[in-house]
Structure formats: structure tokens, C-alpha cells
Amino acid sequence: MPRPPPAISPAALAHFAAIQACLTPEERGLAQAVATELPPAEIRAWMAQLSELSVDEAVMLIRKTMSATKGGVS
């Protein structure tokens, strides 16, 4: 039986909320759409990477990644 994903700490939740708050509504929607296509292991790896960055660095990385994979967001 598969194990459930590890719980996300309150600090990590706050960090991800701060990252999302810096994205435009269109960027948030695109990031969420891309995330739904990823397997759980990739989502966990992406979250781990973002949690190690500052909010500004994480936002820049998300924007860069979306630009490279989806043709950019204005």
C-alpha cells in the first residue's frame, strides 16, 4: 500500500502562500495547471527546491520555468 505524502509544515505552507501571492492570477493558474500534470515525485522535488529558495528567487524560478515550458506569461 502506498504511503501518503509527508505533511507540509506550517512554515512551508506560509512560504508557498507567499510565493503564490507574488504571482499574477494568470501565473498562478498556469503553475497550478502544470502541477496537475506532474507525477507526485516531481511535485515533491519541485516543492523541496522552492522551499530552499527565498520567495523572490522562487517566483523568478517559477516564471523562468513557465516561460520555457509554456511560451511565457505576460
N, C-alpha and C. Protein backbone atom coordinates (compact mmCIF):
# COMPACT_ATOMS: atom_id res chain seq x y z
N MET A 1 0.85 -1.18 0.00
CA MET A 1 0.00 0.00 0.00
C MET A 1 0.89 1.24 0.00
N PRO A 2 0.62 2.21 -0.90
CA PRO A 2 1.47 3.40 -0.96
C PRO A 2 1.34 4.25 0.30
N ARG A 3 2.46 4.85 0.66
CA ARG A 3 2.45 5.75 1.82
C ARG A 3 1.90 7.10 1.40
N PRO A 4 1.18 7.76 2.30
CA PRO A 4 0.71 9.11 1.97
C PRO A 4 1.90 10.07 1.93
N PRO A 5 1.76 11.16 1.18
CA PRO A 5 2.86 12.13 1.15
C PRO A 5 3.10 12.72 2.53
N PRO A 6 4.34 13.13 2.81
CA PRO A 6 4.61 13.72 4.12
C PRO A 6 3.82 15.01 4.30
N ALA A 7 3.48 15.28 5.53
CA ALA A 7 2.75 16.51 5.85
C ALA A 7 3.65 17.71 5.57
N ILE A 8 3.02 18.79 5.15
CA ILE A 8 3.76 20.03 4.90
C ILE A 8 3.69 20.87 6.17
N SER A 9 4.84 21.36 6.59
CA SER A 9 4.90 22.15 7.83
C SER A 9 4.19 23.48 7.65
N PRO A 10 3.73 24.07 8.76
CA PRO A 10 3.11 25.40 8.67
C PRO A 10 4.05 26.44 8.05
N ALA A 11 5.34 26.35 8.34
CA ALA A 11 6.29 27.29 7.76
C ALA A 11 6.38 27.12 6.25
N ALA A 12 6.38 25.88 5.79
CA ALA A 12 6.42 25.63 4.35
C ALA A 12 5.15 26.12 3.68
N LEU A 13 4.01 25.90 4.32
CA LEU A 13 2.75 26.39 3.77
C LEU A 13 2.76 27.91 3.65
N ALA A 14 3.28 28.58 4.66
CA ALA A 14 3.37 30.04 4.62
C ALA A 14 4.31 30.50 3.50
N HIS A 15 5.40 29.78 3.32
CA HIS A 15 6.36 30.11 2.26
C HIS A 15 5.70 29.98 0.89
N PHE A 16 4.97 28.87 0.66
CA PHE A 16 4.31 28.67 -0.62
C PHE A 16 3.18 29.68 -0.83
N ALA A 17 2.49 30.06 0.23
CA ALA A 17 1.45 31.09 0.12
C ALA A 17 2.07 32.43 -0.28
N ALA A 18 3.23 32.75 0.29
CA ALA A 18 3.92 33.99 -0.05
C ALA A 18 4.38 33.98 -1.51
N ILE A 19 4.84 32.83 -1.97
CA ILE A 19 5.25 32.70 -3.37
C ILE A 19 4.04 32.93 -4.27
N GLN A 20 2.94 32.25 -3.97
CA GLN A 20 1.73 32.40 -4.79
C GLN A 20 1.21 33.83 -4.79
N ALA A 21 1.33 34.51 -3.67
CA ALA A 21 0.86 35.89 -3.57
C ALA A 21 1.64 36.83 -4.50
N CYS A 22 2.86 36.46 -4.84
CA CYS A 22 3.69 37.29 -5.72
C CYS A 22 3.40 37.03 -7.20
N LEU A 23 2.72 35.93 -7.50
CA LEU A 23 2.39 35.61 -8.88
C LEU A 23 1.09 36.30 -9.28
N THR A 24 0.98 36.61 -10.56
CA THR A 24 -0.28 37.16 -11.05
C THR A 24 -1.32 36.04 -11.05
N PRO A 25 -2.60 36.38 -11.10
CA PRO A 25 -3.62 35.32 -11.18
C PRO A 25 -3.39 34.38 -12.38
N GLU A 26 -2.99 34.93 -13.50
CA GLU A 26 -2.72 34.11 -14.68
C GLU A 26 -1.54 33.16 -14.42
N GLU A 27 -0.48 33.68 -13.79
CA GLU A 27 0.68 32.84 -13.47
C GLU A 27 0.31 31.73 -12.50
N ARG A 28 -0.49 32.08 -11.48
CA ARG A 28 -0.93 31.06 -10.51
C ARG A 28 -1.71 29.96 -11.22
N GLY A 29 -2.62 30.34 -12.08
CA GLY A 29 -3.42 29.36 -12.81
C GLY A 29 -2.57 28.47 -13.69
N LEU A 30 -1.61 29.05 -14.38
CA LEU A 30 -0.74 28.27 -15.24
C LEU A 30 0.14 27.33 -14.41
N ALA A 31 0.68 27.83 -13.31
CA ALA A 31 1.51 26.99 -12.44
C ALA A 31 0.71 25.83 -11.88
N GLN A 32 -0.53 26.09 -11.48
CA GLN A 32 -1.38 25.02 -10.97
C GLN A 32 -1.72 24.00 -12.06
N ALA A 33 -1.96 24.48 -13.28
CA ALA A 33 -2.26 23.57 -14.39
C ALA A 33 -1.07 22.68 -14.70
N VAL A 34 0.12 23.27 -14.69
CA VAL A 34 1.33 22.48 -14.95
C VAL A 34 1.52 21.46 -13.83
N ALA A 35 1.30 21.88 -12.59
CA ALA A 35 1.49 20.98 -11.44
C ALA A 35 0.56 19.77 -11.51
N THR A 36 -0.64 19.95 -12.04
CA THR A 36 -1.57 18.81 -12.11
C THR A 36 -1.10 17.75 -13.10
N GLU A 37 -0.20 18.13 -13.99
CA GLU A 37 0.33 17.18 -14.98
C GLU A 37 1.55 16.42 -14.47
N LEU A 38 2.11 16.86 -13.35
CA LEU A 38 3.33 16.24 -12.83
C LEU A 38 3.02 15.04 -11.94
N PRO A 39 3.86 14.01 -11.99
CA PRO A 39 3.70 12.91 -11.05
C PRO A 39 4.05 13.38 -9.63
N PRO A 40 3.51 12.71 -8.61
CA PRO A 40 3.76 13.13 -7.22
C PRO A 40 5.23 13.30 -6.87
N ALA A 41 6.09 12.42 -7.36
CA ALA A 41 7.52 12.53 -7.03
C ALA A 41 8.11 13.84 -7.56
N GLU A 42 7.68 14.26 -8.75
CA GLU A 42 8.19 15.51 -9.31
C GLU A 42 7.64 16.71 -8.55
N ILE A 43 6.41 16.62 -8.11
CA ILE A 43 5.83 17.71 -7.31
C ILE A 43 6.60 17.86 -6.01
N ARG A 44 6.90 16.73 -5.36
CA ARG A 44 7.66 16.80 -4.10
C ARG A 44 9.05 17.39 -4.34
N ALA A 45 9.71 17.00 -5.44
CA ALA A 45 11.04 17.53 -5.74
C ALA A 45 10.95 19.03 -6.01
N TRP A 46 9.94 19.47 -6.74
CA TRP A 46 9.74 20.89 -7.06
C TRP A 46 9.49 21.68 -5.77
N MET A 47 8.65 21.14 -4.89
CA MET A 47 8.37 21.82 -3.62
C MET A 47 9.62 21.90 -2.76
N ALA A 48 10.41 20.84 -2.76
CA ALA A 48 11.66 20.86 -1.98
C ALA A 48 12.60 21.92 -2.52
N GLN A 49 12.69 22.03 -3.84
CA GLN A 49 13.56 23.04 -4.44
C GLN A 49 13.07 24.44 -4.11
N LEU A 50 11.77 24.68 -4.24
CA LEU A 50 11.24 26.01 -3.95
C LEU A 50 11.39 26.37 -2.48
N SER A 51 11.28 25.39 -1.59
CA SER A 51 11.37 25.69 -0.16
C SER A 51 12.77 26.13 0.25
N GLU A 52 13.76 25.80 -0.56
CA GLU A 52 15.14 26.19 -0.26
C GLU A 52 15.47 27.60 -0.75
N LEU A 53 14.59 28.17 -1.57
CA LEU A 53 14.82 29.49 -2.14
C LEU A 53 14.07 30.56 -1.36
N SER A 54 14.52 31.79 -1.49
CA SER A 54 13.75 32.90 -0.95
C SER A 54 12.48 33.02 -1.79
N VAL A 55 11.51 33.78 -1.30
CA VAL A 55 10.27 33.97 -2.05
C VAL A 55 10.58 34.58 -3.42
N ASP A 56 11.41 35.62 -3.45
CA ASP A 56 11.74 36.28 -4.72
C ASP A 56 12.45 35.32 -5.68
N GLU A 57 13.37 34.54 -5.16
CA GLU A 57 14.08 33.57 -6.01
C GLU A 57 13.12 32.51 -6.55
N ALA A 58 12.20 32.05 -5.71
CA ALA A 58 11.23 31.04 -6.13
C ALA A 58 10.31 31.59 -7.21
N VAL A 59 9.86 32.82 -7.05
CA VAL A 59 8.99 33.45 -8.05
C VAL A 59 9.74 33.57 -9.37
N MET A 60 10.99 33.99 -9.33
CA MET A 60 11.78 34.10 -10.56
C MET A 60 11.95 32.74 -11.22
N LEU A 61 12.19 31.70 -10.44
CA LEU A 61 12.36 30.36 -10.99
C LEU A 61 11.05 29.87 -11.62
N ILE A 62 9.94 30.09 -10.95
CA ILE A 62 8.64 29.69 -11.50
C ILE A 62 8.39 30.40 -12.82
N ARG A 63 8.62 31.69 -12.85
CA ARG A 63 8.39 32.46 -14.08
C ARG A 63 9.32 31.98 -15.20
N LYS A 64 10.56 31.72 -14.87
CA LYS A 64 11.51 31.23 -15.87
C LYS A 64 11.07 29.87 -16.40
N THR A 65 10.66 28.99 -15.51
CA THR A 65 10.24 27.65 -15.91
C THR A 65 8.98 27.71 -16.77
N MET A 66 8.01 28.53 -16.37
CA MET A 66 6.78 28.65 -17.15
C MET A 66 7.07 29.23 -18.52
N SER A 67 7.97 30.19 -18.58
CA SER A 67 8.32 30.81 -19.85
C SER A 67 8.96 29.78 -20.78
N ALA A 68 9.80 28.94 -20.24
CA ALA A 68 10.48 27.93 -21.04
C ALA A 68 9.54 26.81 -21.49
N THR A 69 8.55 26.46 -20.67
CA THR A 69 7.69 25.33 -20.97
C THR A 69 6.38 25.70 -21.65
N LYS A 70 5.89 26.89 -21.42
CA LYS A 70 4.59 27.26 -21.94
C LYS A 70 4.61 28.48 -22.86
N GLY A 71 5.78 28.92 -23.24
CA GLY A 71 5.85 30.05 -24.14
C GLY A 71 5.76 31.41 -23.48
N GLY A 72 5.79 31.42 -22.15
CA GLY A 72 5.81 32.68 -21.43
C GLY A 72 4.44 33.15 -20.97
N VAL A 73 4.46 34.01 -19.97
CA VAL A 73 3.26 34.61 -19.40
C VAL A 73 3.52 36.09 -19.35
N SER A 74 2.62 36.89 -19.87
CA SER A 74 2.81 38.35 -19.86
C SER A 74 2.19 38.95 -18.63
